[in-house]
PDB file of N, CA and C in Angstrom:
ATOM      1  N   MET A   1      34.065   5.958   1.335  1.00  0.00           N
ATOM      2  CA  MET A   1      32.644   5.810   1.591  1.00  0.00           C
ATOM      3  C   MET A   1      31.931   5.242   0.373  1.00  0.00           C
ATOM      4  N   ASN A   2      32.359   5.623  -0.808  1.00  0.00           N
ATOM      5  CA  ASN A   2      31.752   5.120  -2.027  1.00  0.00           C
ATOM      6  C   ASN A   2      31.921   3.613  -2.145  1.00  0.00           C
ATOM      7  N   LEU A   3      33.082   3.092  -1.757  1.00  0.00           N
ATOM      8  CA  LEU A   3      33.342   1.658  -1.801  1.00  0.00           C
ATOM      9  C   LEU A   3      32.401   0.911  -0.866  1.00  0.00           C
ATOM     10  N   ILE A   4      32.115   1.495   0.310  1.00  0.00           N
ATOM     11  CA  ILE A   4      31.194   0.867   1.260  1.00  0.00           C
ATOM     12  C   ILE A   4      29.813   0.767   0.642  1.00  0.00           C
ATOM     13  N   ASN A   5      29.339   1.825  -0.013  1.00  0.00           N
ATOM     14  CA  ASN A   5      28.021   1.802  -0.645  1.00  0.00           C
ATOM     15  C   ASN A   5      27.951   0.753  -1.745  1.00  0.00           C
ATOM     16  N   ILE A   6      29.000   0.639  -2.531  1.00  0.00           N
ATOM     17  CA  ILE A   6      29.026  -0.356  -3.598  1.00  0.00           C
ATOM     18  C   ILE A   6      29.004  -1.758  -3.009  1.00  0.00           C
ATOM     19  N   THR A   7      29.801  -1.988  -1.971  1.00  0.00           N
ATOM     20  CA  THR A   7      29.848  -3.297  -1.328  1.00  0.00           C
ATOM     21  C   THR A   7      28.509  -3.643  -0.716  1.00  0.00           C
ATOM     22  N   MET A   8      27.892  -2.691  -0.046  1.00  0.00           N
ATOM     23  CA  MET A   8      26.593  -2.939   0.572  1.00  0.00           C
ATOM     24  C   MET A   8      25.550  -3.226  -0.498  1.00  0.00           C
ATOM     25  N   LYS A   9      25.633  -2.516  -1.598  1.00  0.00           N
ATOM     26  CA  LYS A   9      24.681  -2.742  -2.676  1.00  0.00           C
ATOM     27  C   LYS A   9      24.850  -4.153  -3.225  1.00  0.00           C
ATOM     28  N   GLN A  10      26.092  -4.564  -3.455  1.00  0.00           N
ATOM     29  CA  GLN A  10      26.345  -5.908  -3.962  1.00  0.00           C
ATOM     30  C   GLN A  10      25.888  -6.960  -2.957  1.00  0.00           C
ATOM     31  N   PHE A  11      26.108  -6.694  -1.665  1.00  0.00           N
ATOM     32  CA  PHE A  11      25.674  -7.617  -0.632  1.00  0.00           C
ATOM     33  C   PHE A  11      24.152  -7.727  -0.620  1.00  0.00           C
ATOM     34  N   GLU A  12      23.474  -6.583  -0.738  1.00  0.00           N
ATOM     35  CA  GLU A  12      22.009  -6.576  -0.760  1.00  0.00           C
ATOM     36  C   GLU A  12      21.484  -7.331  -1.977  1.00  0.00           C
ATOM     37  N   LEU A  13      22.108  -7.120  -3.132  1.00  0.00           N
ATOM     38  CA  LEU A  13      21.687  -7.838  -4.335  1.00  0.00           C
ATOM     39  C   LEU A  13      21.907  -9.339  -4.186  1.00  0.00           C
ATOM     40  N   LYS A  14      22.988  -9.729  -3.547  1.00  0.00           N
ATOM     41  CA  LYS A  14      23.248 -11.149  -3.318  1.00  0.00           C
ATOM     42  C   LYS A  14      22.184 -11.742  -2.409  1.00  0.00           C
ATOM     43  N   GLN A  15      21.795 -11.008  -1.377  1.00  0.00           N
ATOM     44  CA  GLN A  15      20.731 -11.482  -0.492  1.00  0.00           C
ATOM     45  C   GLN A  15      19.425 -11.656  -1.259  1.00  0.00           C
ATOM     46  N   ILE A  16      19.109 -10.712  -2.123  1.00  0.00           N
ATOM     47  CA  ILE A  16      17.885 -10.813  -2.929  1.00  0.00           C
ATOM     48  C   ILE A  16      17.963 -12.044  -3.822  1.00  0.00           C
ATOM     49  N   ARG A  17      19.090 -12.224  -4.503  1.00  0.00           N
ATOM     50  CA  ARG A  17      19.247 -13.392  -5.387  1.00  0.00           C
ATOM     51  C   ARG A  17      19.103 -14.696  -4.612  1.00  0.00           C
ATOM     52  N   ASP A  18      19.678 -14.736  -3.410  1.00  0.00           N
ATOM     53  CA  ASP A  18      19.620 -15.953  -2.610  1.00  0.00           C
ATOM     54  C   ASP A  18      18.201 -16.276  -2.141  1.00  0.00           C
ATOM     55  N   GLN A  19      17.374 -15.252  -1.958  1.00  0.00           N
ATOM     56  CA  GLN A  19      16.021 -15.462  -1.451  1.00  0.00           C
ATOM     57  C   GLN A  19      15.010 -15.772  -2.545  1.00  0.00           C
ATOM     58  N   LEU A  20      15.366 -15.522  -3.791  1.00  0.00           N
ATOM     59  CA  LEU A  20      14.455 -15.836  -4.880  1.00  0.00           C
ATOM     60  C   LEU A  20      14.425 -17.339  -5.122  1.00  0.00           C
ATOM     61  N   LYS A  21      13.273 -17.833  -5.513  1.00  0.00           N
ATOM     62  CA  LYS A  21      13.089 -19.257  -5.756  1.00  0.00           C
ATOM     63  C   LYS A  21      13.073 -19.521  -7.259  1.00  0.00           C
ATOM     64  N   PHE A  22      13.079 -20.806  -7.583  1.00  0.00           N
ATOM     65  CA  PHE A  22      13.033 -21.228  -8.986  1.00  0.00           C
ATOM     66  C   PHE A  22      11.776 -20.663  -9.638  1.00  0.00           C
ATOM     67  N   GLY A  23      11.926 -20.036 -10.759  1.00  0.00           N
ATOM     68  CA  GLY A  23      10.788 -19.484 -11.496  1.00  0.00           C
ATOM     69  C   GLY A  23      10.507 -18.023 -11.201  1.00  0.00           C
ATOM     70  N   ASP A  24      11.091 -17.479 -10.130  1.00  0.00           N
ATOM     71  CA  ASP A  24      10.832 -16.077  -9.800  1.00  0.00           C
ATOM     72  C   ASP A  24      11.399 -15.135 -10.863  1.00  0.00           C
ATOM     73  N   VAL A  25      12.561 -15.462 -11.421  1.00  0.00           N
ATOM     74  CA  VAL A  25      13.166 -14.610 -12.451  1.00  0.00           C
ATOM     75  C   VAL A  25      12.247 -14.546 -13.669  1.00  0.00           C
ATOM     76  N   THR A  26      11.709 -15.689 -14.055  1.00  0.00           N
ATOM     77  CA  THR A  26      10.785 -15.724 -15.198  1.00  0.00           C
ATOM     78  C   THR A  26       9.527 -14.930 -14.888  1.00  0.00           C
ATOM     79  N   THR A  27       9.015 -15.066 -13.675  1.00  0.00           N
ATOM     80  CA  THR A  27       7.818 -14.323 -13.276  1.00  0.00           C
ATOM     81  C   THR A  27       8.070 -12.821 -13.335  1.00  0.00           C
ATOM     82  N   ILE A  28       9.204 -12.397 -12.806  1.00  0.00           N
ATOM     83  CA  ILE A  28       9.546 -10.968 -12.831  1.00  0.00           C
ATOM     84  C   ILE A  28       9.680 -10.483 -14.271  1.00  0.00           C
ATOM     85  N   ALA A  29      10.360 -11.262 -15.092  1.00  0.00           N
ATOM     86  CA  ALA A  29      10.550 -10.873 -16.498  1.00  0.00           C
ATOM     87  C   ALA A  29       9.209 -10.728 -17.207  1.00  0.00           C
ATOM     88  N   ASN A  30       8.296 -11.662 -16.982  1.00  0.00           N
ATOM     89  CA  ASN A  30       6.986 -11.612 -17.631  1.00  0.00           C
ATOM     90  C   ASN A  30       6.164 -10.425 -17.147  1.00  0.00           C
ATOM     91  N   GLU A  31       6.204 -10.154 -15.847  1.00  0.00           N
ATOM     92  CA  GLU A  31       5.392  -9.068 -15.303  1.00  0.00           C
ATOM     93  C   GLU A  31       5.925  -7.691 -15.682  1.00  0.00           C
ATOM     94  N   ILE A  32       7.233  -7.565 -15.810  1.00  0.00           N
ATOM     95  CA  ILE A  32       7.811  -6.269 -16.156  1.00  0.00           C
ATOM     96  C   ILE A  32       7.926  -6.104 -17.669  1.00  0.00           C
ATOM     97  N   GLY A  33       7.980  -7.214 -18.384  1.00  0.00           N
ATOM     98  CA  GLY A  33       8.068  -7.143 -19.838  1.00  0.00           C
ATOM     99  C   GLY A  33       9.502  -7.067 -20.344  1.00  0.00           C
ATOM    100  N   THR A  34      10.405  -7.748 -19.643  1.00  0.00           N
ATOM    101  CA  THR A  34      11.797  -7.791 -20.073  1.00  0.00           C
ATOM    102  C   THR A  34      12.222  -9.245 -20.233  1.00  0.00           C
ATOM    103  N   SER A  35      13.445  -9.432 -20.658  1.00  0.00           N
ATOM    104  CA  SER A  35      13.968 -10.791 -20.790  1.00  0.00           C
ATOM    105  C   SER A  35      14.487 -11.271 -19.436  1.00  0.00           C
ATOM    106  N   THR A  36      14.602 -12.580 -19.306  1.00  0.00           N
ATOM    107  CA  THR A  36      15.157 -13.132 -18.074  1.00  0.00           C
ATOM    108  C   THR A  36      16.616 -12.717 -17.914  1.00  0.00           C
ATOM    109  N   GLN A  37      17.313 -12.549 -19.027  1.00  0.00           N
ATOM    110  CA  GLN A  37      18.710 -12.099 -18.966  1.00  0.00           C
ATOM    111  C   GLN A  37      18.801 -10.699 -18.370  1.00  0.00           C
ATOM    112  N   SER A  38      17.868  -9.826 -18.727  1.00  0.00           N
ATOM    113  CA  SER A  38      17.852  -8.473 -18.158  1.00  0.00           C
ATOM    114  C   SER A  38      17.598  -8.520 -16.657  1.00  0.00           C
ATOM    115  N   VAL A  39      16.705  -9.413 -16.241  1.00  0.00           N
ATOM    116  CA  VAL A  39      16.410  -9.569 -14.812  1.00  0.00           C
ATOM    117  C   VAL A  39      17.661 -10.051 -14.081  1.00  0.00           C
ATOM    118  N   GLN A  40      18.317 -11.056 -14.651  1.00  0.00           N
ATOM    119  CA  GLN A  40      19.530 -11.584 -14.023  1.00  0.00           C
ATOM    120  C   GLN A  40      20.620 -10.523 -13.945  1.00  0.00           C
ATOM    121  N   ASN A  41      20.787  -9.742 -14.998  1.00  0.00           N
ATOM    122  CA  ASN A  41      21.784  -8.667 -14.990  1.00  0.00           C
ATOM    123  C   ASN A  41      21.458  -7.622 -13.928  1.00  0.00           C
ATOM    124  N   ALA A  42      20.182  -7.283 -13.798  1.00  0.00           N
ATOM    125  CA  ALA A  42      19.770  -6.300 -12.788  1.00  0.00           C
ATOM    126  C   ALA A  42      20.054  -6.832 -11.384  1.00  0.00           C
ATOM    127  N   LEU A  43      19.787  -8.111 -11.160  1.00  0.00           N
ATOM    128  CA  LEU A  43      19.998  -8.697  -9.840  1.00  0.00           C
ATOM    129  C   LEU A  43      21.479  -8.899  -9.521  1.00  0.00           C
ATOM    130  N   ARG A  44      22.308  -8.882 -10.549  1.00  0.00           N
ATOM    131  CA  ARG A  44      23.759  -8.954 -10.334  1.00  0.00           C
ATOM    132  C   ARG A  44      24.366  -7.562 -10.199  1.00  0.00           C
ATOM    133  N   GLY A  45      23.607  -6.534 -10.539  1.00  0.00           N
ATOM    134  CA  GLY A  45      24.108  -5.167 -10.451  1.00  0.00           C
ATOM    135  C   GLY A  45      24.961  -4.766 -11.641  1.00  0.00           C
ATOM    136  N   VAL A  46      24.770  -5.484 -12.774  1.00  0.00           N
ATOM    137  CA  VAL A  46      25.568  -5.186 -13.970  1.00  0.00           C
ATOM    138  C   VAL A  46      25.280  -3.777 -14.466  1.00  0.00           C
ATOM    139  N   ALA A  47      24.008  -3.410 -14.520  1.00  0.00           N
ATOM    140  CA  ALA A  47      23.627  -2.077 -14.997  1.00  0.00           C
ATOM    141  C   ALA A  47      22.503  -1.558 -14.115  1.00  0.00           C
ATOM    142  N   MET A  48      22.654  -0.346 -13.619  1.00  0.00           N
ATOM    143  CA  MET A  48      21.626   0.251 -12.783  1.00  0.00           C
ATOM    144  C   MET A  48      20.811   1.241 -13.607  1.00  0.00           C
ATOM    145  N   THR A  49      19.893   0.714 -14.377  1.00  0.00           N
ATOM    146  CA  THR A  49      18.993   1.543 -15.176  1.00  0.00           C
ATOM    147  C   THR A  49      17.666   1.666 -14.426  1.00  0.00           C
ATOM    148  N   GLU A  50      16.758   2.451 -14.969  1.00  0.00           N
ATOM    149  CA  GLU A  50      15.427   2.563 -14.360  1.00  0.00           C
ATOM    150  C   GLU A  50      14.741   1.206 -14.351  1.00  0.00           C
ATOM    151  N   ASN A  51      14.932   0.463 -15.432  1.00  0.00           N
ATOM    152  CA  ASN A  51      14.338  -0.866 -15.529  1.00  0.00           C
ATOM    153  C   ASN A  51      14.919  -1.796 -14.466  1.00  0.00           C
ATOM    154  N   ALA A  52      16.217  -1.706 -14.245  1.00  0.00           N
ATOM    155  CA  ALA A  52      16.871  -2.546 -13.236  1.00  0.00           C
ATOM    156  C   ALA A  52      16.337  -2.227 -11.843  1.00  0.00           C
ATOM    157  N   ILE A  53      16.098  -0.963 -11.583  1.00  0.00           N
ATOM    158  CA  ILE A  53      15.555  -0.569 -10.280  1.00  0.00           C
ATOM    159  C   ILE A  53      14.152  -1.131 -10.100  1.00  0.00           C
ATOM    160  N   LEU A  54      13.339  -1.088 -11.163  1.00  0.00           N
ATOM    161  CA  LEU A  54      12.001  -1.694 -11.106  1.00  0.00           C
ATOM    162  C   LEU A  54      12.095  -3.190 -10.835  1.00  0.00           C
ATOM    163  N   ILE A  55      13.024  -3.843 -11.475  1.00  0.00           N
ATOM    164  CA  ILE A  55      13.207  -5.287 -11.301  1.00  0.00           C
ATOM    165  C   ILE A  55      13.572  -5.597  -9.856  1.00  0.00           C
ATOM    166  N   ILE A  56      14.493  -4.842  -9.292  1.00  0.00           N
ATOM    167  CA  ILE A  56      14.914  -5.063  -7.911  1.00  0.00           C
ATOM    168  C   ILE A  56      13.759  -4.815  -6.944  1.00  0.00           C
ATOM    169  N   GLN A  57      12.995  -3.765  -7.169  1.00  0.00           N
ATOM    170  CA  GLN A  57      11.840  -3.478  -6.319  1.00  0.00           C
ATOM    171  C   GLN A  57      10.817  -4.610  -6.404  1.00  0.00           C
ATOM    172  N   HIS A  58      10.604  -5.124  -7.604  1.00  0.00           N
ATOM    173  CA  HIS A  58       9.651  -6.210  -7.793  1.00  0.00           C
ATOM    174  C   HIS A  58      10.139  -7.477  -7.086  1.00  0.00           C
ATOM    175  N   ALA A  59      11.426  -7.750  -7.178  1.00  0.00           N
ATOM    176  CA  ALA A  59      12.000  -8.917  -6.500  1.00  0.00           C
ATOM    177  C   ALA A  59      11.830  -8.789  -4.987  1.00  0.00           C
ATOM    178  N   LYS A  60      12.071  -7.598  -4.450  1.00  0.00           N
ATOM    179  CA  LYS A  60      11.890  -7.375  -3.012  1.00  0.00           C
ATOM    180  C   LYS A  60      10.436  -7.604  -2.604  1.00  0.00           C
ATOM    181  N   ARG A  61       9.511  -7.161  -3.449  1.00  0.00           N
ATOM    182  CA  ARG A  61       8.090  -7.342  -3.162  1.00  0.00           C
ATOM    183  C   ARG A  61       7.717  -8.825  -3.140  1.00  0.00           C
ATOM    184  N   ILE A  62       8.244  -9.592  -4.094  1.00  0.00           N
ATOM    185  CA  ILE A  62       7.993 -11.027  -4.127  1.00  0.00           C
ATOM    186  C   ILE A  62       8.515 -11.688  -2.852  1.00  0.00           C
ATOM    187  N   ILE A  63       9.716 -11.322  -2.438  1.00  0.00           N
ATOM    188  CA  ILE A  63      10.317 -11.894  -1.233  1.00  0.00           C
ATOM    189  C   ILE A  63       9.493 -11.527  -0.005  1.00  0.00           C
ATOM    190  N   LYS A  64       9.063 -10.268   0.089  1.00  0.00           N
ATOM    191  CA  LYS A  64       8.276  -9.821   1.234  1.00  0.00           C
ATOM    192  C   LYS A  64       6.936 -10.557   1.294  1.00  0.00           C
ATOM    193  N   GLN A  65       6.273 -10.714   0.150  1.00  0.00           N
ATOM    194  CA  GLN A  65       5.002 -11.431   0.119  1.00  0.00           C
ATOM    195  C   GLN A  65       5.190 -12.883   0.543  1.00  0.00           C
ATOM    196  N   ARG A  66       6.276 -13.506   0.109  1.00  0.00           N
ATOM    197  CA  ARG A  66       6.545 -14.893   0.482  1.00  0.00           C
ATOM    198  C   ARG A  66       6.763 -15.003   1.995  1.00  0.00           C
ATOM    199  N   GLU A  67       7.522 -14.060   2.550  1.00  0.00           N
ATOM    200  CA  GLU A  67       7.763 -14.071   3.995  1.00  0.00           C
ATOM    201  C   GLU A  67       6.471 -13.880   4.776  1.00  0.00           C
ATOM    202  N   GLU A  68       5.588 -13.010   4.289  1.00  0.00           N
ATOM    203  CA  GLU A  68       4.305 -12.789   4.955  1.00  0.00           C
ATOM    204  C   GLU A  68       3.445 -14.044   4.900  1.00  0.00           C
ATOM    205  N   ARG A  69       3.413 -14.725   3.748  1.00  0.00           N
ATOM    206  CA  ARG A  69       2.634 -15.969   3.628  1.00  0.00           C
ATOM    207  C   ARG A  69       3.173 -17.045   4.560  1.00  0.00           C
ATOM    208  N   ILE A  70       4.488 -17.142   4.657  1.00  0.00           N
ATOM    209  CA  ILE A  70       5.108 -18.138   5.542  1.00  0.00           C
ATOM    210  C   ILE A  70       4.736 -17.839   6.996  1.00  0.00           C
ATOM    211  N   ALA A  71       4.782 -16.575   7.385  1.00  0.00           N
ATOM    212  CA  ALA A  71       4.423 -16.191   8.754  1.00  0.00           C
ATOM    213  C   ALA A  71       2.963 -16.530   9.039  1.00  0.00           C
ATOM    214  N   GLU A  72       2.077 -16.262   8.084  1.00  0.00           N
ATOM    215  CA  GLU A  72       0.661 -16.585   8.258  1.00  0.00           C
ATOM    216  C   GLU A  72       0.454 -18.091   8.383  1.00  0.00           C
ATOM    217  N   LEU A  73       1.146 -18.858   7.566  1.00  0.00           N
ATOM    218  CA  LEU A  73       1.029 -20.309   7.636  1.00  0.00           C
ATOM    219  C   LEU A  73       1.545 -20.855   8.956  1.00  0.00           C
ATOM    220  N   LYS A  74       2.618 -20.266   9.479  1.00  0.00           N
ATOM    221  CA  LYS A  74       3.141 -20.701  10.776  1.00  0.00           C
ATOM    222  C   LYS A  74       2.118 -20.480  11.876  1.00  0.00           C
ATOM    223  N   VAL A  75       1.409 -19.346  11.820  1.00  0.00           N
ATOM    224  CA  VAL A  75       0.374 -19.063  12.819  1.00  0.00           C
ATOM    225  C   VAL A  75      -0.740 -20.097  12.715  1.00  0.00           C
ATOM    226  N   ILE A  76      -1.164 -20.400  11.511  1.00  0.00           N
ATOM    227  CA  ILE A  76      -2.237 -21.380  11.306  1.00  0.00           C
ATOM    228  C   ILE A  76      -1.804 -22.756  11.802  1.00  0.00           C
ATOM    229  N   ILE A  77      -0.594 -23.154  11.490  1.00  0.00           N
ATOM    230  CA  ILE A  77      -0.089 -24.461  11.923  1.00  0.00           C
ATOM    231  C   ILE A  77      -0.003 -24.521  13.447  1.00  0.00           C
ATOM    232  N   ASP A  78       0.467 -23.448  14.074  1.00  0.00           N
ATOM    233  CA  ASP A  78       0.543 -23.418  15.539  1.00  0.00           C
ATOM    234  C   ASP A  78      -0.844 -23.549  16.170  1.00  0.00           C
ATOM    235  N   GLU A  79      -1.827 -22.868  15.587  1.00  0.00           N
ATOM    236  CA  GLU A  79      -3.196 -22.957  16.092  1.00  0.00           C
ATOM    237  C   GLU A  79      -3.724 -24.380  15.958  1.00  0.00           C
ATOM    238  N   GLN A  80      -3.474 -25.016  14.830  1.00  0.00           N
ATOM    239  CA  GLN A  80      -3.922 -26.388  14.633  1.00  0.00           C
ATOM    240  C   GLN A  80      -3.255 -27.338  15.615  1.00  0.00           C
ATOM    241  N   ARG A  81      -1.978 -27.135  15.875  1.00  0.00           N
ATOM    242  CA  ARG A  81      -1.263 -27.979  16.846  1.00  0.00           C
ATOM    243  C   ARG A  81      -1.845 -27.810  18.247  1.00  0.00           C
ATOM    244  N   LYS A  82      -2.174 -26.578  18.604  1.00  0.00           N
ATOM    245  CA  LYS A  82      -2.765 -26.330  19.922  1.00  0.00           C
ATOM    246  C   LYS A  82      -4.115 -27.019  20.037  1.00  0.00           C
ATOM    247  N   LYS A  83      -4.923 -26.961  18.972  1.00  0.00           N
ATOM    248  CA  LYS A  83      -6.229 -27.619  18.991  1.00  0.00           C
ATOM    249  C   LYS A  83      -6.072 -29.122  19.141  1.00  0.00           C
ATOM    250  N   ARG A  84      -5.135 -29.706  18.406  1.00  0.00           N
ATOM    251  CA  ARG A  84      -4.896 -31.150  18.508  1.00  0.00           C
ATOM    252  C   ARG A  84      -4.415 -31.527  19.897  1.00  0.00           C
ATOM    253  N   LYS A  85      -3.578 -30.695  20.462  1.00  0.00           N
ATOM    254  CA  LYS A  85      -3.040 -30.959  21.792  1.00  0.00           C
ATOM    255  C   LYS A  85      -4.172 -30.948  22.829  1.00  0.00           C
ATOM    256  N   ILE A  86      -5.081 -29.996  22.691  1.00  0.00           N
ATOM    257  CA  ILE A  86      -6.223 -29.915  23.601  1.00  0.00           C
ATOM    258  C   ILE A  86      -7.134 -31.120  23.412  1.00  0.00           C
ATOM    259  N   GLN A  87      -7.384 -31.521  22.178  1.00  0.00           N
ATOM    260  CA  GLN A  87      -8.248 -32.665  21.900  1.00  0.00           C
ATOM    261  C   GLN A  87      -7.655 -33.968  22.412  1.00  0.00           C
ATOM    262  N   ASN A  88      -6.329 -34.091  22.391  1.00  0.00           N
ATOM    263  CA  ASN A  88      -5.682 -35.316  22.825  1.00  0.00           C
ATOM    264  C   ASN A  88      -5.576 -35.435  24.341  1.00  0.00           C
ATOM    265  N   GLN A  89      -5.828 -34.362  25.035  1.00  0.00           N
ATOM    266  CA  GLN A  89      -5.705 -34.419  26.504  1.00  0.00           C
ATOM    267  C   GLN A  89      -6.921 -35.013  27.147  1.00  0.00           C
TER     268      GLN A  89
END
């Protein structure tokens, strides 16, 4: 069971790393007050310290905010398309 938890944790960290964009590591490092190397180590699961947990939580928050903004933009774009479609008829 312990191996499953470790594998799932590594899989989750990989998903987080894959969803981060260019510059997010620097942003996280600046906001938390650590080096970019510490952020990268935390996202790789090298060391699970309190700081690493904060870094992971912050990364998840950035990803969630980005997903929410994308969803909002999709709604706005759909509304604009509907308006154009009505105007063109």
